[in-house]
PDB file of all heavy atoms in Angstrom:
ATOM      1  N   LYS A   1       0.835  -1.206   0.000  1.00  0.00           N
ATOM      2  CA  LYS A   1       0.000   0.000   0.000  1.00  0.00           C
ATOM      3  C   LYS A   1       0.866   1.251   0.000  1.00  0.00           C
ATOM      4  O   LYS A   1       2.044   1.208   0.345  1.00  0.00           O
ATOM      5  CB  LYS A   1      -0.932   0.006   1.214  1.00  0.00           C
ATOM      6  CG  LYS A   1      -1.967  -1.107   1.205  1.00  0.00           C
ATOM      7  CD  LYS A   1      -2.949  -0.937   2.348  1.00  0.00           C
ATOM      8  CE  LYS A   1      -4.031  -2.012   2.287  1.00  0.00           C
ATOM      9  NZ  LYS A   1      -5.016  -1.844   3.401  1.00  0.00           N
ATOM     10  N   GLU A   2       0.276   2.351  -0.376  1.00  0.00           N
ATOM     11  CA  GLU A   2       0.990   3.616  -0.369  1.00  0.00           C
ATOM     12  C   GLU A   2       1.101   4.149   1.059  1.00  0.00           C
ATOM     13  O   GLU A   2       0.279   3.833   1.929  1.00  0.00           O
ATOM     14  CB  GLU A   2       0.254   4.639  -1.249  1.00  0.00           C
ATOM     15  CG  GLU A   2       0.249   4.299  -2.718  1.00  0.00           C
ATOM     16  CD  GLU A   2      -0.348   5.404  -3.563  1.00  0.00           C
ATOM     17  OE1 GLU A   2      -0.884   6.371  -2.997  1.00  0.00           O
ATOM     18  OE2 GLU A   2      -0.286   5.290  -4.805  1.00  0.00           O
ATOM     19  N   ARG A   3       2.119   4.966   1.262  1.00  0.00           N
ATOM     20  CA  ARG A   3       2.264   5.615   2.561  1.00  0.00           C
ATOM     21  C   ARG A   3       1.117   6.589   2.757  1.00  0.00           C
ATOM     22  O   ARG A   3       0.748   7.321   1.836  1.00  0.00           O
ATOM     23  CB  ARG A   3       3.612   6.331   2.633  1.00  0.00           C
ATOM     24  CG  ARG A   3       3.996   6.795   4.017  1.00  0.00           C
ATOM     25  CD  ARG A   3       5.442   7.265   4.051  1.00  0.00           C
ATOM     26  NE  ARG A   3       6.373   6.187   3.723  1.00  0.00           N
ATOM     27  CZ  ARG A   3       7.700   6.291   3.818  1.00  0.00           C
ATOM     28  NH1 ARG A   3       8.241   7.434   4.217  1.00  0.00           N
ATOM     29  NH2 ARG A   3       8.470   5.283   3.494  1.00  0.00           N
ATOM     30  N   GLU A   4       0.566   6.611   3.969  1.00  0.00           N
ATOM     31  CA  GLU A   4      -0.579   7.474   4.241  1.00  0.00           C
ATOM     32  C   GLU A   4      -0.385   8.240   5.538  1.00  0.00           C
ATOM     33  O   GLU A   4       0.335   7.816   6.430  1.00  0.00           O
ATOM     34  CB  GLU A   4      -1.863   6.634   4.347  1.00  0.00           C
ATOM     35  CG  GLU A   4      -1.863   5.630   5.471  1.00  0.00           C
ATOM     36  CD  GLU A   4      -3.157   4.847   5.579  1.00  0.00           C
ATOM     37  OE1 GLU A   4      -4.081   5.069   4.769  1.00  0.00           O
ATOM     38  OE2 GLU A   4      -3.250   4.002   6.494  1.00  0.00           O
ATOM     39  N   GLY A   5      -1.048   9.373   5.629  1.00  0.00           N
ATOM     40  CA  GLY A   5      -0.995  10.168   6.836  1.00  0.00           C
ATOM     41  C   GLY A   5      -1.842   9.572   7.937  1.00  0.00           C
ATOM     42  O   GLY A   5      -2.944   9.093   7.674  1.00  0.00           O
ATOM     43  N   VAL A   6      -1.334   9.591   9.150  1.00  0.00           N
ATOM     44  CA  VAL A   6      -2.051   9.091  10.323  1.00  0.00           C
ATOM     45  C   VAL A   6      -2.482  10.258  11.205  1.00  0.00           C
ATOM     46  O   VAL A   6      -3.655  10.417  11.518  1.00  0.00           O
ATOM     47  CB  VAL A   6      -1.179   8.116  11.128  1.00  0.00           C
ATOM     48  CG1 VAL A   6      -1.897   7.672  12.405  1.00  0.00           C
ATOM     49  CG2 VAL A   6      -0.790   6.912  10.274  1.00  0.00           C
ATOM     50  N   SER A   7      -1.510  11.087  11.585  1.00  0.00           N
ATOM     51  CA  SER A   7      -1.804  12.223  12.452  1.00  0.00           C
ATOM     52  C   SER A   7      -0.671  13.222  12.345  1.00  0.00           C
ATOM     53  O   SER A   7       0.487  12.841  12.206  1.00  0.00           O
ATOM     54  CB  SER A   7      -1.968  11.764  13.902  1.00  0.00           C
ATOM     55  OG  SER A   7      -2.285  12.858  14.744  1.00  0.00           O
ATOM     56  N   CYS A   8      -1.005  14.496  12.410  1.00  0.00           N
ATOM     57  CA  CYS A   8      -0.005  15.547  12.337  1.00  0.00           C
ATOM     58  C   CYS A   8      -0.292  16.599  13.403  1.00  0.00           C
ATOM     59  O   CYS A   8      -1.446  16.798  13.802  1.00  0.00           O
ATOM     60  CB  CYS A   8      -0.005  16.194  10.950  1.00  0.00           C
ATOM     61  SG  CYS A   8       0.533  15.071   9.643  1.00  0.00           S
ATOM     62  N   ILE A   9       0.760  17.274  13.829  1.00  0.00           N
ATOM     63  CA  ILE A   9       0.634  18.269  14.884  1.00  0.00           C
ATOM     64  C   ILE A   9       1.475  19.480  14.540  1.00  0.00           C
ATOM     65  O   ILE A   9       2.588  19.362  14.015  1.00  0.00           O
ATOM     66  CB  ILE A   9       1.042  17.656  16.251  1.00  0.00           C
ATOM     67  CG1 ILE A   9       0.719  18.600  17.405  1.00  0.00           C
ATOM     68  CG2 ILE A   9       2.514  17.243  16.255  1.00  0.00           C
ATOM     69  CD1 ILE A   9       0.828  17.938  18.777  1.00  0.00           C
ATOM     70  N   SER A  10       0.924  20.649  14.824  1.00  0.00           N
ATOM     71  CA  SER A  10       1.636  21.880  14.520  1.00  0.00           C
ATOM     72  C   SER A  10       2.788  22.103  15.495  1.00  0.00           C
ATOM     73  O   SER A  10       2.894  21.443  16.534  1.00  0.00           O
ATOM     74  CB  SER A  10       0.672  23.068  14.572  1.00  0.00           C
ATOM     75  OG  SER A  10       0.143  23.197  15.883  1.00  0.00           O
ATOM     76  N   ARG A  11       3.624  23.053  15.179  1.00  0.00           N
ATOM     77  CA  ARG A  11       4.816  23.309  15.974  1.00  0.00           C
ATOM     78  C   ARG A  11       4.501  23.612  17.436  1.00  0.00           C
ATOM     79  O   ARG A  11       5.245  23.219  18.331  1.00  0.00           O
ATOM     80  CB  ARG A  11       5.629  24.466  15.380  1.00  0.00           C
ATOM     81  CG  ARG A  11       4.850  25.761  15.277  1.00  0.00           C
ATOM     82  CD  ARG A  11       5.685  26.899  14.745  1.00  0.00           C
ATOM     83  NE  ARG A  11       6.678  27.350  15.722  1.00  0.00           N
ATOM     84  CZ  ARG A  11       7.442  28.408  15.563  1.00  0.00           C
ATOM     85  NH1 ARG A  11       7.346  29.128  14.468  1.00  0.00           N
ATOM     86  NH2 ARG A  11       8.321  28.754  16.482  1.00  0.00           N
ATOM     87  N   SER A  12       3.404  24.277  17.685  1.00  0.00           N
ATOM     88  CA  SER A  12       3.026  24.637  19.056  1.00  0.00           C
ATOM     89  C   SER A  12       2.173  23.564  19.721  1.00  0.00           C
ATOM     90  O   SER A  12       1.952  23.601  20.937  1.00  0.00           O
ATOM     91  CB  SER A  12       2.239  25.940  19.047  1.00  0.00           C
ATOM     92  OG  SER A  12       0.994  25.750  18.393  1.00  0.00           O
ATOM     93  N   GLY A  13       1.668  22.630  18.920  1.00  0.00           N
ATOM     94  CA  GLY A  13       0.746  21.633  19.445  1.00  0.00           C
ATOM     95  C   GLY A  13      -0.695  22.085  19.422  1.00  0.00           C
ATOM     96  O   GLY A  13      -1.590  21.346  19.835  1.00  0.00           O
ATOM     97  N   GLY A  14      -0.951  23.292  18.935  1.00  0.00           N
ATOM     98  CA  GLY A  14      -2.292  23.831  18.956  1.00  0.00           C
ATOM     99  C   GLY A  14      -3.213  23.293  17.885  1.00  0.00           C
ATOM    100  O   GLY A  14      -4.438  23.386  18.009  1.00  0.00           O
ATOM    101  N   THR A  15      -2.644  22.723  16.838  1.00  0.00           N
ATOM    102  CA  THR A  15      -3.450  22.161  15.747  1.00  0.00           C
ATOM    103  C   THR A  15      -3.069  20.713  15.541  1.00  0.00           C
ATOM    104  O   THR A  15      -1.886  20.383  15.477  1.00  0.00           O
ATOM    105  CB  THR A  15      -3.229  22.938  14.442  1.00  0.00           C
ATOM    106  OG1 THR A  15      -3.559  24.311  14.637  1.00  0.00           O
ATOM    107  CG2 THR A  15      -4.112  22.372  13.336  1.00  0.00           C
ATOM    108  N   GLU A  16      -4.082  19.870  15.457  1.00  0.00           N
ATOM    109  CA  GLU A  16      -3.868  18.443  15.238  1.00  0.00           C
ATOM    110  C   GLU A  16      -4.761  17.979  14.097  1.00  0.00           C
ATOM    111  O   GLU A  16      -5.856  18.502  13.911  1.00  0.00           O
ATOM    112  CB  GLU A  16      -4.202  17.645  16.507  1.00  0.00           C
ATOM    113  CG  GLU A  16      -3.400  18.052  17.726  1.00  0.00           C
ATOM    114  CD  GLU A  16      -3.903  17.388  19.000  1.00  0.00           C
ATOM    115  OE1 GLU A  16      -4.913  16.663  18.940  1.00  0.00           O
ATOM    116  OE2 GLU A  16      -3.279  17.595  20.052  1.00  0.00           O
ATOM    117  N   ARG A  17      -4.280  17.002  13.376  1.00  0.00           N
ATOM    118  CA  ARG A  17      -5.073  16.400  12.312  1.00  0.00           C
ATOM    119  C   ARG A  17      -4.991  14.883  12.450  1.00  0.00           C
ATOM    120  O   ARG A  17      -3.944  14.350  12.824  1.00  0.00           O
ATOM    121  CB  ARG A  17      -4.558  16.810  10.940  1.00  0.00           C
ATOM    122  CG  ARG A  17      -4.461  18.314  10.707  1.00  0.00           C
ATOM    123  CD  ARG A  17      -4.263  18.626   9.242  1.00  0.00           C
ATOM    124  NE  ARG A  17      -3.798  19.993   9.022  1.00  0.00           N
ATOM    125  CZ  ARG A  17      -4.554  21.059   9.100  1.00  0.00           C
ATOM    126  NH1 ARG A  17      -5.827  20.943   9.431  1.00  0.00           N
ATOM    127  NH2 ARG A  17      -4.053  22.264   8.863  1.00  0.00           N
ATOM    128  N   PHE A  18      -6.099  14.230  12.138  1.00  0.00           N
ATOM    129  CA  PHE A  18      -6.141  12.776  12.239  1.00  0.00           C
ATOM    130  C   PHE A  18      -6.801  12.198  10.994  1.00  0.00           C
ATOM    131  O   PHE A  18      -7.755  12.762  10.460  1.00  0.00           O
ATOM    132  CB  PHE A  18      -6.943  12.332  13.466  1.00  0.00           C
ATOM    133  CG  PHE A  18      -6.302  12.708  14.768  1.00  0.00           C
ATOM    134  CD1 PHE A  18      -6.624  13.897  15.388  1.00  0.00           C
ATOM    135  CD2 PHE A  18      -5.371  11.869  15.358  1.00  0.00           C
ATOM    136  CE1 PHE A  18      -6.025  14.261  16.583  1.00  0.00           C
ATOM    137  CE2 PHE A  18      -4.761  12.215  16.552  1.00  0.00           C
ATOM    138  CZ  PHE A  18      -5.086  13.417  17.168  1.00  0.00           C
ATOM    139  N   ALA A  19      -6.302  11.060  10.572  1.00  0.00           N
ATOM    140  CA  ALA A  19      -6.981  10.321   9.520  1.00  0.00           C
ATOM    141  C   ALA A  19      -8.297   9.771  10.071  1.00  0.00           C
ATOM    142  O   ALA A  19      -8.391   9.444  11.259  1.00  0.00           O
ATOM    143  CB  ALA A  19      -6.103   9.179   9.034  1.00  0.00           C
ATOM    144  N   ASP A  20      -9.285   9.658   9.211  1.00  0.00           N
ATOM    145  CA  ASP A  20     -10.581   9.148   9.648  1.00  0.00           C
ATOM    146  C   ASP A  20     -10.458   7.769  10.297  1.00  0.00           C
ATOM    147  O   ASP A  20     -11.163   7.452  11.257  1.00  0.00           O
ATOM    148  CB  ASP A  20     -11.539   9.062   8.448  1.00  0.00           C
ATOM    149  CG  ASP A  20     -11.960  10.426   7.946  1.00  0.00           C
ATOM    150  OD1 ASP A  20     -11.773  11.416   8.693  1.00  0.00           O
ATOM    151  OD2 ASP A  20     -12.460  10.513   6.813  1.00  0.00           O
ATOM    152  N   ALA A  21      -9.529   6.970   9.787  1.00  0.00           N
ATOM    153  CA  ALA A  21      -9.400   5.594  10.266  1.00  0.00           C
ATOM    154  C   ALA A  21      -8.929   5.498  11.708  1.00  0.00           C
ATOM    155  O   ALA A  21      -9.119   4.464  12.361  1.00  0.00           O
ATOM    156  CB  ALA A  21      -8.451   4.812   9.356  1.00  0.00           C
ATOM    157  N   VAL A  22      -8.297   6.567  12.218  1.00  0.00           N
ATOM    158  CA  VAL A  22      -7.751   6.516  13.576  1.00  0.00           C
ATOM    159  C   VAL A  22      -8.397   7.525  14.510  1.00  0.00           C
ATOM    160  O   VAL A  22      -8.106   7.539  15.709  1.00  0.00           O
ATOM    161  CB  VAL A  22      -6.218   6.734  13.564  1.00  0.00           C
ATOM    162  CG1 VAL A  22      -5.552   5.757  12.613  1.00  0.00           C
ATOM    163  CG2 VAL A  22      -5.866   8.173  13.208  1.00  0.00           C
ATOM    164  N   GLU A  23      -9.265   8.379  13.980  1.00  0.00           N
ATOM    165  CA  GLU A  23      -9.924   9.397  14.795  1.00  0.00           C
ATOM    166  C   GLU A  23     -10.636   8.734  15.974  1.00  0.00           C
ATOM    167  O   GLU A  23     -11.364   7.757  15.820  1.00  0.00           O
ATOM    168  CB  GLU A  23     -10.950  10.147  13.933  1.00  0.00           C
ATOM    169  CG  GLU A  23     -11.663  11.276  14.648  1.00  0.00           C
ATOM    170  CD  GLU A  23     -10.860  12.564  14.661  1.00  0.00           C
ATOM    171  OE1 GLU A  23     -10.441  12.994  13.576  1.00  0.00           O
ATOM    172  OE2 GLU A  23     -10.687  13.131  15.751  1.00  0.00           O
ATOM    173  N   GLY A  24     -10.385   9.266  17.174  1.00  0.00           N
ATOM    174  CA  GLY A  24     -11.008   8.726  18.367  1.00  0.00           C
ATOM    175  C   GLY A  24     -10.235   7.597  19.023  1.00  0.00           C
ATOM    176  O   GLY A  24     -10.526   7.227  20.167  1.00  0.00           O
ATOM    177  N   ARG A  25      -9.262   7.039  18.330  1.00  0.00           N
ATOM    178  CA  ARG A  25      -8.450   5.953  18.905  1.00  0.00           C
ATOM    179  C   ARG A  25      -7.007   6.397  19.153  1.00  0.00           C
ATOM    180  O   ARG A  25      -6.369   5.947  20.111  1.00  0.00           O
ATOM    181  CB  ARG A  25      -8.432   4.742  17.964  1.00  0.00           C
ATOM    182  CG  ARG A  25      -9.792   4.124  17.713  1.00  0.00           C
ATOM    183  CD  ARG A  25      -9.665   2.811  16.925  1.00  0.00           C
ATOM    184  NE  ARG A  25      -9.118   3.011  15.597  1.00  0.00           N
ATOM    185  CZ  ARG A  25      -8.030   2.400  15.139  1.00  0.00           C
ATOM    186  NH1 ARG A  25      -7.364   1.561  15.909  1.00  0.00           N
ATOM    187  NH2 ARG A  25      -7.616   2.619  13.901  1.00  0.00           N
ATOM    188  N   PHE A  26      -6.499   7.257  18.294  1.00  0.00           N
ATOM    189  CA  PHE A  26      -5.113   7.709  18.404  1.00  0.00           C
ATOM    190  C   PHE A  26      -5.092   9.157  18.893  1.00  0.00           C
ATOM    191  O   PHE A  26      -5.980   9.953  18.564  1.00  0.00           O
ATOM    192  CB  PHE A  26      -4.411   7.658  17.048  1.00  0.00           C
ATOM    193  CG  PHE A  26      -4.153   6.272  16.503  1.00  0.00           C
ATOM    194  CD1 PHE A  26      -4.705   5.138  17.087  1.00  0.00           C
ATOM    195  CD2 PHE A  26      -3.338   6.103  15.397  1.00  0.00           C
ATOM    196  CE1 PHE A  26      -4.461   3.876  16.580  1.00  0.00           C
ATOM    197  CE2 PHE A  26      -3.082   4.848  14.879  1.00  0.00           C
ATOM    198  CZ  PHE A  26      -3.647   3.735  15.470  1.00  0.00           C
ATOM    199  N   THR A  27      -4.075   9.483  19.663  1.00  0.00           N
ATOM    200  CA  THR A  27      -3.822  10.867  20.036  1.00  0.00           C
ATOM    201  C   THR A  27      -2.373  11.202  19.743  1.00  0.00           C
ATOM    202  O   THR A  27      -1.502  10.328  19.764  1.00  0.00           O
ATOM    203  CB  THR A  27      -4.130  11.127  21.522  1.00  0.00           C
ATOM    204  OG1 THR A  27      -3.311  10.276  22.327  1.00  0.00           O
ATOM    205  CG2 THR A  27      -5.598  10.893  21.838  1.00  0.00           C
ATOM    206  N   ILE A  28      -2.131  12.462  19.468  1.00  0.00           N
ATOM    207  CA  ILE A  28      -0.786  12.929  19.184  1.00  0.00           C
ATOM    208  C   ILE A  28      -0.442  14.030  20.162  1.00  0.00           C
ATOM    209  O   ILE A  28      -1.301  14.825  20.557  1.00  0.00           O
ATOM    210  CB  ILE A  28      -0.669  13.424  17.715  1.00  0.00           C
ATOM    211  CG1 ILE A  28       0.782  13.677  17.333  1.00  0.00           C
ATOM    212  CG2 ILE A  28      -1.552  14.645  17.470  1.00  0.00           C
ATOM    213  CD1 ILE A  28       0.975  13.926  15.833  1.00  0.00           C
ATOM    214  N   SER A  29       0.802  14.061  20.595  1.00  0.00           N
ATOM    215  CA  SER A  29       1.239  15.095  21.518  1.00  0.00           C
ATOM    216  C   SER A  29       2.719  15.347  21.299  1.00  0.00           C
ATOM    217  O   SER A  29       3.404  14.562  20.629  1.00  0.00           O
ATOM    218  CB  SER A  29       0.971  14.667  22.968  1.00  0.00           C
ATOM    219  OG  SER A  29       1.697  13.492  23.293  1.00  0.00           O
ATOM    220  N   ARG A  30       3.200  16.430  21.852  1.00  0.00           N
ATOM    221  CA  ARG A  30       4.611  16.741  21.712  1.00  0.00           C
ATOM    222  C   ARG A  30       5.136  17.365  22.989  1.00  0.00           C
ATOM    223  O   ARG A  30       4.407  18.082  23.690  1.00  0.00           O
ATOM    224  CB  ARG A  30       4.859  17.647  20.510  1.00  0.00           C
ATOM    225  CG  ARG A  30       4.227  19.023  20.564  1.00  0.00           C
ATOM    226  CD  ARG A  30       4.328  19.731  19.207  1.00  0.00           C
ATOM    227  NE  ARG A  30       5.727  19.878  18.806  1.00  0.00           N
ATOM    228  CZ  ARG A  30       6.126  20.070  17.549  1.00  0.00           C
ATOM    229  NH1 ARG A  30       5.224  20.139  16.569  1.00  0.00           N
ATOM    230  NH2 ARG A  30       7.398  20.207  17.257  1.00  0.00           N
ATOM    231  N   ASP A  31       6.387  17.077  23.274  1.00  0.00           N
ATOM    232  CA  ASP A  31       7.099  17.683  24.389  1.00  0.00           C
ATOM    233  C   ASP A  31       8.328  18.346  23.789  1.00  0.00           C
ATOM    234  O   ASP A  31       9.355  17.700  23.574  1.00  0.00           O
ATOM    235  CB  ASP A  31       7.478  16.615  25.424  1.00  0.00           C
ATOM    236  CG  ASP A  31       8.114  17.208  26.670  1.00  0.00           C
ATOM    237  OD1 ASP A  31       8.625  18.350  26.597  1.00  0.00           O
ATOM    238  OD2 ASP A  31       8.106  16.532  27.708  1.00  0.00           O
ATOM    239  N   ASN A  32       8.200  19.613  23.491  1.00  0.00           N
ATOM    240  CA  ASN A  32       9.287  20.304  22.806  1.00  0.00           C
ATOM    241  C   ASN A  32      10.546  20.399  23.661  1.00  0.00           C
ATOM    242  O   ASN A  32      11.662  20.446  23.134  1.00  0.00           O
ATOM    243  CB  ASN A  32       8.836  21.690  22.360  1.00  0.00           C
ATOM    244  CG  ASN A  32       7.879  21.634  21.179  1.00  0.00           C
ATOM    245  OD1 ASN A  32       7.922  20.698  20.379  1.00  0.00           O
ATOM    246  ND2 ASN A  32       7.010  22.613  21.064  1.00  0.00           N
TER     247      ASN A  32
END
């Protein structure tokens, strides 16, 4: 399969994006 996006987070952590397939199951966070 092709590479696909799962989740992305902005530099500050204020914006997050999730693929429909993982929404509600996966969370993303960062500790700068």
